Amino acid sequence: MRALYSLGLLYVALCGALLWADRPAGVAPAVLPPAPNAPVTAMSGPEWFQRMKPFCNPVEVETQARFVPPPPGFEGAAYGAGCFALAGKIDRARELIAALDAGGRLRAANIVFDLAHPVADAGDDKSAGPIMALVVEFSPDNYMALYHAGASEFILGQPDLARRHLTRFLDLYTQNDGWHSNALDMLRRLDGQ
């Protein structure tokens, strides 16, 4: 048995030597991209978000953000808030937005809206609702955030908040379409309760 083991090791060593000898001279070894947890510098907010997006979930976001924190400045705060919001870490997202000046808070809230709107449009108002309520907190005239926040609150049995957001949505959104009629329907059902 020992002879077979020795023969196997000799075979592996011989294969390695042949591969090493057959490589072209002057060719540098391949450079691997940084590991997912390696610090990365000089990323924009959108680049950081694209890298972090798979980790924007409740289980991984905190750990990954320690290894790859959002870049400094407005974009880092805005896209960092978007990632934390998608992960359901609304308080952490709020902290990042609140640290900005008034104009920055409005712009950051609208970036968070853009990142989370596909979740709401996919029909998951329950998950998107808290994010949309956060957006409304900093961007009170974002009519689609008002609609989705109100729809979520309606589903979750929060009639006062739903009524407030849906009424404000109808004040701002006068187009007679499905969004408008859905908001009216939810308000009618709230009034009937």
C-alpha atoms as a PDB file:
ATOM      1  CA  MET A   1       0.000   0.000   0.000  1.00  0.00           C
ATOM      2  CA  ARG A   2       2.859   2.324   0.844  1.00  0.00           C
ATOM      3  CA  ALA A   3       4.350   1.729  -2.602  1.00  0.00           C
ATOM      4  CA  LEU A   4       1.087   2.830  -4.303  1.00  0.00           C
ATOM      5  CA  TYR A   5       0.985   6.002  -2.204  1.00  0.00           C
ATOM      6  CA  SER A   6       4.590   6.820  -3.123  1.00  0.00           C
ATOM      7  CA  LEU A   7       3.888   6.100  -6.793  1.00  0.00           C
ATOM      8  CA  GLY A   8       0.858   8.452  -6.676  1.00  0.00           C
ATOM      9  CA  LEU A   9       2.904  11.273  -5.169  1.00  0.00           C
ATOM     10  CA  LEU A  10       5.606  10.761  -7.768  1.00  0.00           C
ATOM     11  CA  TYR A  11       2.973  10.953 -10.537  1.00  0.00           C
ATOM     12  CA  VAL A  12       1.519  14.232  -9.189  1.00  0.00           C
ATOM     13  CA  ALA A  13       5.017  15.742  -8.866  1.00  0.00           C
ATOM     14  CA  LEU A  14       5.910  14.685 -12.404  1.00  0.00           C
ATOM     15  CA  CYS A  15       2.687  16.208 -13.816  1.00  0.00           C
ATOM     16  CA  GLY A  16       3.380  19.466 -11.984  1.00  0.00           C
ATOM     17  CA  ALA A  17       6.958  19.587 -13.289  1.00  0.00           C
ATOM     18  CA  LEU A  18       5.787  18.987 -16.859  1.00  0.00           C
ATOM     19  CA  LEU A  19       3.177  21.734 -16.633  1.00  0.00           C
ATOM     20  CA  TRP A  20       5.718  24.143 -15.136  1.00  0.00           C
ATOM     21  CA  ALA A  21       8.303  23.378 -17.821  1.00  0.00           C
ATOM     22  CA  ASP A  22       5.749  23.699 -20.638  1.00  0.00           C
ATOM     23  CA  ARG A  23       4.622  27.232 -19.730  1.00  0.00           C
ATOM     24  CA  PRO A  24       5.825  29.984 -22.077  1.00  0.00           C
ATOM     25  CA  ALA A  25       8.836  31.956 -20.839  1.00  0.00           C
ATOM     26  CA  GLY A  26       8.175  35.524 -19.683  1.00  0.00           C
ATOM     27  CA  VAL A  27       4.476  34.982 -18.996  1.00  0.00           C
ATOM     28  CA  ALA A  28       3.478  36.473 -15.692  1.00  0.00           C
ATOM     29  CA  PRO A  29       1.275  34.406 -13.428  1.00  0.00           C
ATOM     30  CA  ALA A  30      -2.415  35.236 -13.610  1.00  0.00           C
ATOM     31  CA  VAL A  31      -3.590  37.983 -11.275  1.00  0.00           C
ATOM     32  CA  LEU A  32      -6.761  37.011  -9.488  1.00  0.00           C
ATOM     33  CA  PRO A  33      -9.476  39.589  -8.757  1.00  0.00           C
ATOM     34  CA  PRO A  34      -9.753  40.609  -5.117  1.00  0.00           C
ATOM     35  CA  ALA A  35     -11.611  38.237  -2.854  1.00  0.00           C
ATOM     36  CA  PRO A  36     -15.214  39.279  -2.124  1.00  0.00           C
ATOM     37  CA  ASN A  37     -14.223  40.420   1.373  1.00  0.00           C
ATOM     38  CA  ALA A  38     -11.065  42.291   0.365  1.00  0.00           C
ATOM     39  CA  PRO A  39     -11.218  46.078   0.828  1.00  0.00           C
ATOM     40  CA  VAL A  40     -11.752  47.923  -2.417  1.00  0.00           C
ATOM     41  CA  THR A  41     -10.941  51.574  -2.876  1.00  0.00           C
ATOM     42  CA  ALA A  42     -12.083  54.280  -5.255  1.00  0.00           C
ATOM     43  CA  MET A  43     -15.522  52.861  -6.048  1.00  0.00           C
ATOM     44  CA  SER A  44     -18.475  55.080  -6.852  1.00  0.00           C
ATOM     45  CA  GLY A  45     -21.753  54.574  -5.013  1.00  0.00           C
ATOM     46  CA  PRO A  46     -23.370  52.694  -7.932  1.00  0.00           C
ATOM     47  CA  GLU A  47     -20.275  50.476  -8.322  1.00  0.00           C
ATOM     48  CA  TRP A  48     -20.301  49.722  -4.598  1.00  0.00           C
ATOM     49  CA  PHE A  49     -24.006  48.880  -4.739  1.00  0.00           C
ATOM     50  CA  GLN A  50     -23.553  46.520  -7.696  1.00  0.00           C
ATOM     51  CA  ARG A  51     -20.810  44.716  -5.819  1.00  0.00           C
ATOM     52  CA  MET A  52     -22.845  44.579  -2.603  1.00  0.00           C
ATOM     53  CA  LYS A  53     -26.285  43.857  -4.076  1.00  0.00           C
ATOM     54  CA  PRO A  54     -26.110  40.077  -3.506  1.00  0.00           C
ATOM     55  CA  PHE A  55     -25.409  40.816   0.160  1.00  0.00           C
ATOM     56  CA  CYS A  56     -28.214  43.374   0.653  1.00  0.00           C
ATOM     57  CA  ASN A  57     -30.182  40.921   2.771  1.00  0.00           C
ATOM     58  CA  PRO A  58     -30.820  40.700   6.524  1.00  0.00           C
ATOM     59  CA  VAL A  59     -28.274  37.928   7.086  1.00  0.00           C
ATOM     60  CA  GLU A  60     -25.203  39.293   5.287  1.00  0.00           C
ATOM     61  CA  VAL A  61     -25.434  43.078   4.940  1.00  0.00           C
ATOM     62  CA  GLU A  62     -23.835  44.081   8.247  1.00  0.00           C
ATOM     63  CA  THR A  63     -20.883  41.718   7.888  1.00  0.00           C
ATOM     64  CA  GLN A  64     -20.217  42.566   4.248  1.00  0.00           C
ATOM     65  CA  ALA A  65     -20.499  46.317   4.870  1.00  0.00           C
ATOM     66  CA  ARG A  66     -17.754  45.990   7.498  1.00  0.00           C
ATOM     67  CA  PHE A  67     -15.447  44.420   4.908  1.00  0.00           C
ATOM     68  CA  VAL A  68     -16.512  46.669   2.037  1.00  0.00           C
ATOM     69  CA  PRO A  69     -17.981  49.853   3.536  1.00  0.00           C
ATOM     70  CA  PRO A  70     -19.869  52.309   1.334  1.00  0.00           C
ATOM     71  CA  PRO A  71     -17.594  54.935  -0.211  1.00  0.00           C
ATOM     72  CA  PRO A  72     -17.431  58.272   1.609  1.00  0.00           C
ATOM     73  CA  GLY A  73     -19.685  61.135   0.623  1.00  0.00           C
ATOM     74  CA  PHE A  74     -23.158  61.501  -0.775  1.00  0.00           C
ATOM     75  CA  GLU A  75     -23.160  58.501  -3.131  1.00  0.00           C
ATOM     76  CA  GLY A  76     -21.871  56.180  -0.437  1.00  0.00           C
ATOM     77  CA  ALA A  77     -24.595  57.317   1.953  1.00  0.00           C
ATOM     78  CA  ALA A  78     -27.340  57.072  -0.670  1.00  0.00           C
ATOM     79  CA  TYR A  79     -26.407  53.659  -2.060  1.00  0.00           C
ATOM     80  CA  GLY A  80     -25.470  52.380   1.384  1.00  0.00           C
ATOM     81  CA  ALA A  81     -28.935  53.400   2.589  1.00  0.00           C
ATOM     82  CA  GLY A  82     -30.455  51.580  -0.389  1.00  0.00           C
ATOM     83  CA  CYS A  83     -28.609  48.370   0.443  1.00  0.00           C
ATOM     84  CA  PHE A  84     -29.499  48.518   4.136  1.00  0.00           C
ATOM     85  CA  ALA A  85     -33.121  49.345   3.283  1.00  0.00           C
ATOM     86  CA  LEU A  86     -33.407  46.365   0.923  1.00  0.00           C
ATOM     87  CA  ALA A  87     -32.028  44.226   3.742  1.00  0.00           C
ATOM     88  CA  GLY A  88     -34.823  45.468   6.017  1.00  0.00           C
ATOM     89  CA  LYS A  89     -32.392  47.511   8.141  1.00  0.00           C
ATOM     90  CA  ILE A  90     -34.542  50.637   7.918  1.00  0.00           C
ATOM     91  CA  ASP A  91     -33.043  52.349  10.991  1.00  0.00           C
ATOM     92  CA  ARG A  92     -29.518  51.974   9.591  1.00  0.00           C
ATOM     93  CA  ALA A  93     -30.677  53.324   6.217  1.00  0.00           C
ATOM     94  CA  ARG A  94     -32.350  56.259   7.986  1.00  0.00           C
ATOM     95  CA  GLU A  95     -29.090  57.082   9.824  1.00  0.00           C
ATOM     96  CA  LEU A  96     -27.155  57.251   6.557  1.00  0.00           C
ATOM     97  CA  ILE A  97     -29.728  59.526   4.913  1.00  0.00           C
ATOM     98  CA  ALA A  98     -30.220  61.725   7.987  1.00  0.00           C
ATOM     99  CA  ALA A  99     -26.483  62.468   8.134  1.00  0.00           C
ATOM    100  CA  LEU A 100     -26.737  64.357   4.807  1.00  0.00           C
ATOM    101  CA  ASP A 101     -27.784  67.978   4.289  1.00  0.00           C
ATOM    102  CA  ALA A 102     -31.427  68.697   3.341  1.00  0.00           C
ATOM    103  CA  GLY A 103     -30.858  68.550  -0.431  1.00  0.00           C
ATOM    104  CA  GLY A 104     -28.752  65.425  -0.068  1.00  0.00           C
ATOM    105  CA  ARG A 105     -31.446  63.732   2.026  1.00  0.00           C
ATOM    106  CA  LEU A 106     -34.043  64.317  -0.686  1.00  0.00           C
ATOM    107  CA  ARG A 107     -31.743  63.038  -3.448  1.00  0.00           C
ATOM    108  CA  ALA A 108     -30.634  60.032  -1.382  1.00  0.00           C
ATOM    109  CA  ALA A 109     -34.248  59.108  -0.588  1.00  0.00           C
ATOM    110  CA  ASN A 110     -35.040  59.155  -4.294  1.00  0.00           C
ATOM    111  CA  ILE A 111     -32.060  56.877  -5.003  1.00  0.00           C
ATOM    112  CA  VAL A 112     -33.360  54.477  -2.345  1.00  0.00           C
ATOM    113  CA  PHE A 113     -36.744  54.657  -4.058  1.00  0.00           C
ATOM    114  CA  ASP A 114     -35.209  53.793  -7.439  1.00  0.00           C
ATOM    115  CA  LEU A 115     -33.410  50.791  -5.927  1.00  0.00           C
ATOM    116  CA  ALA A 116     -36.507  49.478  -4.108  1.00  0.00           C
ATOM    117  CA  HIS A 117     -39.206  50.337  -6.644  1.00  0.00           C
ATOM    118  CA  PRO A 118     -38.739  47.096  -8.633  1.00  0.00           C
ATOM    119  CA  VAL A 119     -39.586  45.146  -5.456  1.00  0.00           C
ATOM    120  CA  ALA A 120     -42.861  47.046  -5.105  1.00  0.00           C
ATOM    121  CA  ASP A 121     -43.655  46.833  -8.819  1.00  0.00           C
ATOM    122  CA  ALA A 122     -43.143  43.072  -8.626  1.00  0.00           C
ATOM    123  CA  GLY A 123     -46.120  43.058  -6.263  1.00  0.00           C
ATOM    124  CA  ASP A 124     -44.319  42.765  -2.943  1.00  0.00           C
ATOM    125  CA  ASP A 125     -45.807  45.844  -1.298  1.00  0.00           C
ATOM    126  CA  LYS A 126     -45.511  44.107   2.061  1.00  0.00           C
ATOM    127  CA  SER A 127     -41.706  44.032   1.856  1.00  0.00           C
ATOM    128  CA  ALA A 128     -41.349  47.315  -0.001  1.00  0.00           C
ATOM    129  CA  GLY A 129     -43.719  49.222   2.296  1.00  0.00           C
ATOM    130  CA  PRO A 130     -41.269  50.063   5.087  1.00  0.00           C
ATOM    131  CA  ILE A 131     -38.712  51.198   2.504  1.00  0.00           C
ATOM    132  CA  MET A 132     -41.314  53.379   0.803  1.00  0.00           C
ATOM    133  CA  ALA A 133     -42.337  54.870   4.154  1.00  0.00           C
ATOM    134  CA  LEU A 134     -38.665  55.750   4.683  1.00  0.00           C
ATOM    135  CA  VAL A 135     -38.559  57.403   1.252  1.00  0.00           C
ATOM    136  CA  VAL A 136     -41.700  59.409   2.079  1.00  0.00           C
ATOM    137  CA  GLU A 137     -40.080  60.540   5.323  1.00  0.00           C
ATOM    138  CA  PHE A 138     -37.367  62.352   3.331  1.00  0.00           C
ATOM    139  CA  SER A 139     -39.193  62.887   0.013  1.00  0.00           C
ATOM    140  CA  PRO A 140     -42.811  63.577   1.003  1.00  0.00           C
ATOM    141  CA  ASP A 141     -43.991  64.333  -2.543  1.00  0.00           C
ATOM    142  CA  ASN A 142     -42.748  61.098  -4.126  1.00  0.00           C
ATOM    143  CA  TYR A 143     -46.209  59.959  -5.207  1.00  0.00           C
ATOM    144  CA  MET A 144     -45.218  56.389  -6.087  1.00  0.00           C
ATOM    145  CA  ALA A 145     -43.538  55.934  -2.703  1.00  0.00           C
ATOM    146  CA  LEU A 146     -46.746  57.264  -1.122  1.00  0.00           C
ATOM    147  CA  TYR A 147     -48.804  54.739  -3.096  1.00  0.00           C
ATOM    148  CA  HIS A 148     -46.611  51.752  -2.214  1.00  0.00           C
ATOM    149  CA  ALA A 149     -46.316  52.777   1.438  1.00  0.00           C
ATOM    150  CA  GLY A 150     -50.104  53.145   1.619  1.00  0.00           C
ATOM    151  CA  ALA A 151     -50.711  49.805  -0.129  1.00  0.00           C
ATOM    152  CA  SER A 152     -48.355  48.053   2.292  1.00  0.00           C
ATOM    153  CA  GLU A 153     -49.984  49.673   5.307  1.00  0.00           C
ATOM    154  CA  PHE A 154     -53.393  48.675   3.936  1.00  0.00           C
ATOM    155  CA  ILE A 155     -52.247  45.037   3.619  1.00  0.00           C
ATOM    156  CA  LEU A 156     -50.633  45.090   7.067  1.00  0.00           C
ATOM    157  CA  GLY A 157     -53.760  46.473   8.749  1.00  0.00           C
ATOM    158  CA  GLN A 158     -52.444  49.961   9.536  1.00  0.00           C
ATOM    159  CA  PRO A 159     -55.488  51.989   8.499  1.00  0.00           C
ATOM    160  CA  ASP A 160     -54.425  55.427   9.750  1.00  0.00           C
ATOM    161  CA  LEU A 161     -51.069  55.353   7.981  1.00  0.00           C
ATOM    162  CA  ALA A 162     -52.597  53.802   4.858  1.00  0.00           C
ATOM    163  CA  ARG A 163     -55.298  56.469   4.738  1.00  0.00           C
ATOM    164  CA  ARG A 164     -52.759  59.289   5.161  1.00  0.00           C
ATOM    165  CA  HIS A 165     -50.389  58.006   2.457  1.00  0.00           C
ATOM    166  CA  LEU A 166     -53.087  57.043  -0.045  1.00  0.00           C
ATOM    167  CA  THR A 167     -54.920  60.358   0.387  1.00  0.00           C
ATOM    168  CA  ARG A 168     -51.676  62.280  -0.195  1.00  0.00           C
ATOM    169  CA  PHE A 169     -50.967  60.068  -3.221  1.00  0.00           C
ATOM    170  CA  LEU A 170     -54.360  61.009  -4.720  1.00  0.00           C
ATOM    171  CA  ASP A 171     -53.672  64.706  -4.050  1.00  0.00           C
ATOM    172  CA  LEU A 172     -50.496  64.476  -6.132  1.00  0.00           C
ATOM    173  CA  TYR A 173     -51.434  61.862  -8.735  1.00  0.00           C
ATOM    174  CA  THR A 174     -54.429  62.876 -10.814  1.00  0.00           C
ATOM    175  CA  GLN A 175     -54.042  60.500 -13.749  1.00  0.00           C
ATOM    176  CA  ASN A 176     -57.089  58.244 -13.991  1.00  0.00           C
ATOM    177  CA  ASP A 177     -55.432  54.833 -14.284  1.00  0.00           C
ATOM    178  CA  GLY A 178     -54.934  51.597 -12.340  1.00  0.00           C
ATOM    179  CA  TRP A 179     -52.832  53.201  -9.600  1.00  0.00           C
ATOM    180  CA  HIS A 180     -55.480  55.865  -9.047  1.00  0.00           C
ATOM    181  CA  SER A 181     -58.383  53.417  -9.012  1.00  0.00           C
ATOM    182  CA  ASN A 182     -56.520  50.996  -6.693  1.00  0.00           C
ATOM    183  CA  ALA A 183     -55.862  53.805  -4.225  1.00  0.00           C
ATOM    184  CA  LEU A 184     -59.531  54.836  -4.329  1.00  0.00           C
ATOM    185  CA  ASP A 185     -60.597  51.216  -3.817  1.00  0.00           C
ATOM    186  CA  MET A 186     -58.321  50.787  -0.783  1.00  0.00           C
ATOM    187  CA  LEU A 187     -59.612  54.040   0.733  1.00  0.00           C
ATOM    188  CA  ARG A 188     -63.230  52.946   0.190  1.00  0.00           C
ATOM    189  CA  ARG A 189     -62.502  49.630   1.882  1.00  0.00           C
ATOM    190  CA  LEU A 190     -60.825  51.444   4.781  1.00  0.00           C
ATOM    191  CA  ASP A 191     -63.876  53.687   5.163  1.00  0.00           C
ATOM    192  CA  GLY A 192     -66.129  50.623   5.155  1.00  0.00           C
ATOM    193  CA  GLN A 193     -64.309  49.010   8.087  1.00  0.00           C
END
